[in-house]
Amino acid sequence: MTKVFLSFEVDNEDELLQLVLNYVIKQKKPPSWLGDPLTDVALQNEAEAREAYQKEIDEDDAEHVKGNGAEPEPAPEPAPKRARAPRAPRVSVAPPPVSPAPAVAPAPPVDLPPLDTLKAIVTNAVRLAQKGEGSKKILDLLPTFKDTTGLAFVMNALDEHRPALYDLVQAAGLPVV
């Protein structure tokens, strides 16, 4: 029998399922361009030839099994999958110890610039360093500043943090305007 493959274009799986089910449920005959398989002589002859050939093969296999008195050899089993080596346990890496910032004697409060000026200087320097346009020294000093003052953001600094902010600006080498 001749094999025929049909191709359909549908927008989604539901349409394809609906199309196939329509053929099955309604028991429609195949399209006329396929020909009637019951009346097509060439198709009938081919089907009969295949059936006869299959019978011969089945008979030969049966005789071979009877003649040997043994069962046919089973197909070789696929090789077992290789077991993966167990993974090594994860080792947590502790961050390197933070060395405390050297104690610098704060400058007298009278000489310190205003708090807003210090915040602006530090914030601007950090932004430029993150863009790669300024010195990255401020980025290195900022974590220790945050640890010593307990601040999460420089903009949260209060007047009591002004000496520490001034020390940060001086250590980073930023000009005070």
C-alpha atoms as a PDB file:
ATOM      1  CA  MET A   1       0.000   0.000   0.000  1.00  0.00           C
ATOM      2  CA  THR A   2       1.318   3.435  -0.828  1.00  0.00           C
ATOM      3  CA  LYS A   3       1.999   5.804   2.010  1.00  0.00           C
ATOM      4  CA  VAL A   4       0.653   9.291   1.638  1.00  0.00           C
ATOM      5  CA  PHE A   5       1.633  12.184   3.853  1.00  0.00           C
ATOM      6  CA  LEU A   6      -0.616  15.186   4.186  1.00  0.00           C
ATOM      7  CA  SER A   7       0.564  18.550   5.360  1.00  0.00           C
ATOM      8  CA  PHE A   8      -1.683  21.142   6.980  1.00  0.00           C
ATOM      9  CA  GLU A   9      -1.019  24.662   8.153  1.00  0.00           C
ATOM     10  CA  VAL A  10      -2.960  25.615  11.219  1.00  0.00           C
ATOM     11  CA  ASP A  11      -2.706  28.475  13.677  1.00  0.00           C
ATOM     12  CA  ASN A  12      -2.681  26.358  16.804  1.00  0.00           C
ATOM     13  CA  GLU A  13      -2.881  22.785  18.080  1.00  0.00           C
ATOM     14  CA  ASP A  14      -6.629  22.985  18.611  1.00  0.00           C
ATOM     15  CA  GLU A  15      -7.251  23.571  14.906  1.00  0.00           C
ATOM     16  CA  LEU A  16      -5.044  20.624  13.959  1.00  0.00           C
ATOM     17  CA  LEU A  17      -6.808  18.373  16.440  1.00  0.00           C
ATOM     18  CA  GLN A  18     -10.188  19.507  15.117  1.00  0.00           C
ATOM     19  CA  LEU A  19      -9.129  18.781  11.526  1.00  0.00           C
ATOM     20  CA  VAL A  20      -7.921  15.266  12.333  1.00  0.00           C
ATOM     21  CA  LEU A  21     -10.927  14.462  14.473  1.00  0.00           C
ATOM     22  CA  ASN A  22     -13.282  15.560  11.684  1.00  0.00           C
ATOM     23  CA  TYR A  23     -11.829  12.853   9.435  1.00  0.00           C
ATOM     24  CA  VAL A  24     -12.002  10.224  12.174  1.00  0.00           C
ATOM     25  CA  ILE A  25     -15.435  11.043  13.602  1.00  0.00           C
ATOM     26  CA  LYS A  26     -17.245  11.563  10.329  1.00  0.00           C
ATOM     27  CA  GLN A  27     -15.462   8.590   8.763  1.00  0.00           C
ATOM     28  CA  LYS A  28     -14.901  10.583   5.648  1.00  0.00           C
ATOM     29  CA  LYS A  29     -13.328   8.951   2.667  1.00  0.00           C
ATOM     30  CA  PRO A  30      -9.892  10.177   1.711  1.00  0.00           C
ATOM     31  CA  PRO A  31      -9.766  12.990  -0.851  1.00  0.00           C
ATOM     32  CA  SER A  32     -10.551  11.967  -4.416  1.00  0.00           C
ATOM     33  CA  TRP A  33      -7.057  12.805  -5.667  1.00  0.00           C
ATOM     34  CA  LEU A  34      -5.709   9.900  -3.569  1.00  0.00           C
ATOM     35  CA  GLY A  35      -7.774   7.426  -5.558  1.00  0.00           C
ATOM     36  CA  ASP A  36      -9.946   4.680  -4.119  1.00  0.00           C
ATOM     37  CA  PRO A  37      -7.608   2.143  -2.499  1.00  0.00           C
ATOM     38  CA  LEU A  38     -10.176  -0.638  -2.934  1.00  0.00           C
ATOM     39  CA  THR A  39     -10.480  -0.201  -6.713  1.00  0.00           C
ATOM     40  CA  ASP A  40      -6.946   0.809  -7.574  1.00  0.00           C
ATOM     41  CA  VAL A  41      -5.431  -2.374  -9.062  1.00  0.00           C
ATOM     42  CA  ALA A  42      -1.818  -1.309  -8.644  1.00  0.00           C
ATOM     43  CA  LEU A  43      -2.308  -0.661  -4.950  1.00  0.00           C
ATOM     44  CA  GLN A  44      -4.056  -3.997  -4.442  1.00  0.00           C
ATOM     45  CA  ASN A  45      -1.248  -5.869  -6.217  1.00  0.00           C
ATOM     46  CA  GLU A  46       1.390  -4.124  -4.134  1.00  0.00           C
ATOM     47  CA  ALA A  47      -0.462  -4.893  -0.888  1.00  0.00           C
ATOM     48  CA  GLU A  48      -0.782  -8.596  -1.835  1.00  0.00           C
ATOM     49  CA  ALA A  49       2.923  -8.792  -2.705  1.00  0.00           C
ATOM     50  CA  ARG A  50       3.895  -7.305   0.648  1.00  0.00           C
ATOM     51  CA  GLU A  51       1.632  -9.709   2.532  1.00  0.00           C
ATOM     52  CA  ALA A  52       3.123 -12.691   0.704  1.00  0.00           C
ATOM     53  CA  TYR A  53       6.667 -11.514   1.388  1.00  0.00           C
ATOM     54  CA  GLN A  54       5.880 -11.003   5.087  1.00  0.00           C
ATOM     55  CA  LYS A  55       4.448 -14.545   5.304  1.00  0.00           C
ATOM     56  CA  GLU A  56       7.655 -15.983   3.827  1.00  0.00           C
ATOM     57  CA  ILE A  57       9.782 -14.114   6.326  1.00  0.00           C
ATOM     58  CA  ASP A  58       7.609 -15.250   9.232  1.00  0.00           C
ATOM     59  CA  GLU A  59       7.751 -18.895   8.039  1.00  0.00           C
ATOM     60  CA  ASP A  60      11.542 -18.778   7.619  1.00  0.00           C
ATOM     61  CA  ASP A  61      11.948 -17.427  11.123  1.00  0.00           C
ATOM     62  CA  ALA A  62       9.670 -20.138  12.550  1.00  0.00           C
ATOM     63  CA  GLU A  63      11.615 -22.915  10.745  1.00  0.00           C
ATOM     64  CA  HIS A  64      14.936 -21.498  11.905  1.00  0.00           C
ATOM     65  CA  VAL A  65      13.794 -21.524  15.522  1.00  0.00           C
ATOM     66  CA  LYS A  66      12.434 -25.096  15.251  1.00  0.00           C
ATOM     67  CA  GLY A  67      15.555 -26.369  13.441  1.00  0.00           C
ATOM     68  CA  ASN A  68      17.980 -25.102  16.085  1.00  0.00           C
ATOM     69  CA  GLY A  69      15.843 -26.057  19.007  1.00  0.00           C
ATOM     70  CA  ALA A  70      16.871 -22.833  20.569  1.00  0.00           C
ATOM     71  CA  GLU A  71      15.125 -19.618  21.098  1.00  0.00           C
ATOM     72  CA  PRO A  72      16.127 -16.638  19.013  1.00  0.00           C
ATOM     73  CA  GLU A  73      18.856 -14.553  20.595  1.00  0.00           C
ATOM     74  CA  PRO A  74      17.539 -11.586  22.455  1.00  0.00           C
ATOM     75  CA  ALA A  75      18.685  -8.198  21.331  1.00  0.00           C
ATOM     76  CA  PRO A  76      21.733  -7.009  23.243  1.00  0.00           C
ATOM     77  CA  GLU A  77      20.864  -4.807  26.171  1.00  0.00           C
ATOM     78  CA  PRO A  78      22.006  -1.233  25.937  1.00  0.00           C
ATOM     79  CA  ALA A  79      25.050  -0.398  28.007  1.00  0.00           C
ATOM     80  CA  PRO A  80      24.115   0.904  31.444  1.00  0.00           C
ATOM     81  CA  LYS A  81      24.461   4.611  31.881  1.00  0.00           C
ATOM     82  CA  ARG A  82      27.620   5.652  33.537  1.00  0.00           C
ATOM     83  CA  ALA A  83      27.045   6.912  37.030  1.00  0.00           C
ATOM     84  CA  ARG A  84      28.034  10.494  37.617  1.00  0.00           C
ATOM     85  CA  ALA A  85      30.629  11.070  40.273  1.00  0.00           C
ATOM     86  CA  PRO A  86      29.151  12.649  43.381  1.00  0.00           C
ATOM     87  CA  ARG A  87      29.643  16.359  43.619  1.00  0.00           C
ATOM     88  CA  ALA A  88      31.990  17.756  46.153  1.00  0.00           C
ATOM     89  CA  PRO A  89      30.246  19.509  49.011  1.00  0.00           C
ATOM     90  CA  ARG A  90      30.074  23.246  48.696  1.00  0.00           C
ATOM     91  CA  VAL A  91      32.539  25.104  50.789  1.00  0.00           C
ATOM     92  CA  SER A  92      31.386  28.448  51.994  1.00  0.00           C
ATOM     93  CA  VAL A  93      33.959  31.117  51.453  1.00  0.00           C
ATOM     94  CA  ALA A  94      34.071  33.692  54.178  1.00  0.00           C
ATOM     95  CA  PRO A  95      34.776  37.231  53.026  1.00  0.00           C
ATOM     96  CA  PRO A  96      38.242  38.446  53.865  1.00  0.00           C
ATOM     97  CA  PRO A  97      38.445  40.196  57.212  1.00  0.00           C
ATOM     98  CA  VAL A  98      37.955  43.910  56.957  1.00  0.00           C
ATOM     99  CA  SER A  99      40.823  45.781  58.436  1.00  0.00           C
ATOM    100  CA  PRO A 100      39.656  48.651  60.581  1.00  0.00           C
ATOM    101  CA  ALA A 101      40.257  52.086  59.154  1.00  0.00           C
ATOM    102  CA  PRO A 102      43.201  53.833  60.684  1.00  0.00           C
ATOM    103  CA  ALA A 103      42.107  56.183  63.376  1.00  0.00           C
ATOM    104  CA  VAL A 104      42.578  59.708  62.115  1.00  0.00           C
ATOM    105  CA  ALA A 105      42.238  62.560  64.474  1.00  0.00           C
ATOM    106  CA  PRO A 106      39.194  64.539  63.373  1.00  0.00           C
ATOM    107  CA  ALA A 107      39.733  68.104  62.381  1.00  0.00           C
ATOM    108  CA  PRO A 108      38.243  70.702  64.627  1.00  0.00           C
ATOM    109  CA  PRO A 109      34.518  71.128  63.966  1.00  0.00           C
ATOM    110  CA  VAL A 110      34.931  74.792  63.179  1.00  0.00           C
ATOM    111  CA  ASP A 111      36.905  74.123  59.959  1.00  0.00           C
ATOM    112  CA  LEU A 112      34.507  71.492  58.492  1.00  0.00           C
ATOM    113  CA  PRO A 113      32.475  72.341  55.381  1.00  0.00           C
ATOM    114  CA  PRO A 114      28.662  72.150  55.566  1.00  0.00           C
ATOM    115  CA  LEU A 115      27.084  68.674  55.641  1.00  0.00           C
ATOM    116  CA  ASP A 116      25.220  69.138  52.332  1.00  0.00           C
ATOM    117  CA  THR A 117      28.468  70.105  50.595  1.00  0.00           C
ATOM    118  CA  LEU A 118      30.226  66.972  51.856  1.00  0.00           C
ATOM    119  CA  LYS A 119      27.308  64.757  50.800  1.00  0.00           C
ATOM    120  CA  ALA A 120      27.302  66.301  47.321  1.00  0.00           C
ATOM    121  CA  ILE A 121      31.070  65.847  46.914  1.00  0.00           C
ATOM    122  CA  VAL A 122      30.970  62.177  47.934  1.00  0.00           C
ATOM    123  CA  THR A 123      27.844  61.387  45.881  1.00  0.00           C
ATOM    124  CA  ASN A 124      29.260  63.050  42.763  1.00  0.00           C
ATOM    125  CA  ALA A 125      32.621  61.265  43.138  1.00  0.00           C
ATOM    126  CA  VAL A 126      30.891  57.880  43.527  1.00  0.00           C
ATOM    127  CA  ARG A 127      28.758  58.424  40.428  1.00  0.00           C
ATOM    128  CA  LEU A 128      31.770  59.423  38.334  1.00  0.00           C
ATOM    129  CA  ALA A 129      33.791  56.446  39.603  1.00  0.00           C
ATOM    130  CA  GLN A 130      30.964  54.034  38.760  1.00  0.00           C
ATOM    131  CA  LYS A 131      30.836  55.438  35.221  1.00  0.00           C
ATOM    132  CA  GLY A 132      34.614  55.050  34.956  1.00  0.00           C
ATOM    133  CA  GLU A 133      35.160  58.801  34.634  1.00  0.00           C
ATOM    134  CA  GLY A 134      36.740  59.475  38.002  1.00  0.00           C
ATOM    135  CA  SER A 135      39.082  58.002  40.569  1.00  0.00           C
ATOM    136  CA  LYS A 136      37.959  54.638  41.923  1.00  0.00           C
ATOM    137  CA  LYS A 137      39.624  55.269  45.263  1.00  0.00           C
ATOM    138  CA  ILE A 138      36.323  56.527  46.698  1.00  0.00           C
ATOM    139  CA  LEU A 139      34.736  53.151  45.860  1.00  0.00           C
ATOM    140  CA  ASP A 140      37.475  51.385  47.818  1.00  0.00           C
ATOM    141  CA  LEU A 141      37.083  53.640  50.870  1.00  0.00           C
ATOM    142  CA  LEU A 142      33.273  53.729  50.946  1.00  0.00           C
ATOM    143  CA  PRO A 143      32.670  50.237  52.475  1.00  0.00           C
ATOM    144  CA  THR A 144      34.894  50.951  55.475  1.00  0.00           C
ATOM    145  CA  PHE A 145      33.217  54.338  55.907  1.00  0.00           C
ATOM    146  CA  LYS A 146      29.811  52.667  55.936  1.00  0.00           C
ATOM    147  CA  ASP A 147      31.004  50.049  58.435  1.00  0.00           C
ATOM    148  CA  THR A 148      32.477  52.571  60.848  1.00  0.00           C
ATOM    149  CA  THR A 149      29.522  54.972  60.712  1.00  0.00           C
ATOM    150  CA  GLY A 150      26.767  52.375  60.379  1.00  0.00           C
ATOM    151  CA  LEU A 151      25.255  54.280  57.452  1.00  0.00           C
ATOM    152  CA  ALA A 152      23.759  52.437  54.496  1.00  0.00           C
ATOM    153  CA  PHE A 153      23.713  55.567  52.286  1.00  0.00           C
ATOM    154  CA  VAL A 154      25.843  58.666  52.384  1.00  0.00           C
ATOM    155  CA  MET A 155      22.737  60.770  51.858  1.00  0.00           C
ATOM    156  CA  ASN A 156      21.421  59.555  55.247  1.00  0.00           C
ATOM    157  CA  ALA A 157      24.368  61.200  57.040  1.00  0.00           C
ATOM    158  CA  LEU A 158      23.560  63.519  59.915  1.00  0.00           C
ATOM    159  CA  ASP A 159      25.568  66.383  61.364  1.00  0.00           C
ATOM    160  CA  GLU A 160      27.260  63.937  63.751  1.00  0.00           C
ATOM    161  CA  HIS A 161      28.698  62.101  60.717  1.00  0.00           C
ATOM    162  CA  ARG A 162      30.241  65.278  59.278  1.00  0.00           C
ATOM    163  CA  PRO A 163      33.769  64.615  60.619  1.00  0.00           C
ATOM    164  CA  ALA A 164      33.735  61.072  59.173  1.00  0.00           C
ATOM    165  CA  LEU A 165      32.474  62.395  55.814  1.00  0.00           C
ATOM    166  CA  TYR A 166      35.228  65.010  55.784  1.00  0.00           C
ATOM    167  CA  ASP A 167      37.832  62.313  56.530  1.00  0.00           C
ATOM    168  CA  LEU A 168      36.439  60.231  53.648  1.00  0.00           C
ATOM    169  CA  VAL A 169      36.720  63.178  51.260  1.00  0.00           C
ATOM    170  CA  GLN A 170      40.282  63.886  52.407  1.00  0.00           C
ATOM    171  CA  ALA A 171      41.332  60.187  52.156  1.00  0.00           C
ATOM    172  CA  ALA A 172      39.904  59.946  48.628  1.00  0.00           C
ATOM    173  CA  GLY A 173      41.782  63.107  47.638  1.00  0.00           C
ATOM    174  CA  LEU A 174      38.623  64.940  46.558  1.00  0.00           C
ATOM    175  CA  PRO A 175      38.733  68.720  46.391  1.00  0.00           C
ATOM    176  CA  VAL A 176      36.440  70.527  48.812  1.00  0.00           C
ATOM    177  CA  VAL A 177      34.797  73.462  47.096  1.00  0.00           C
END
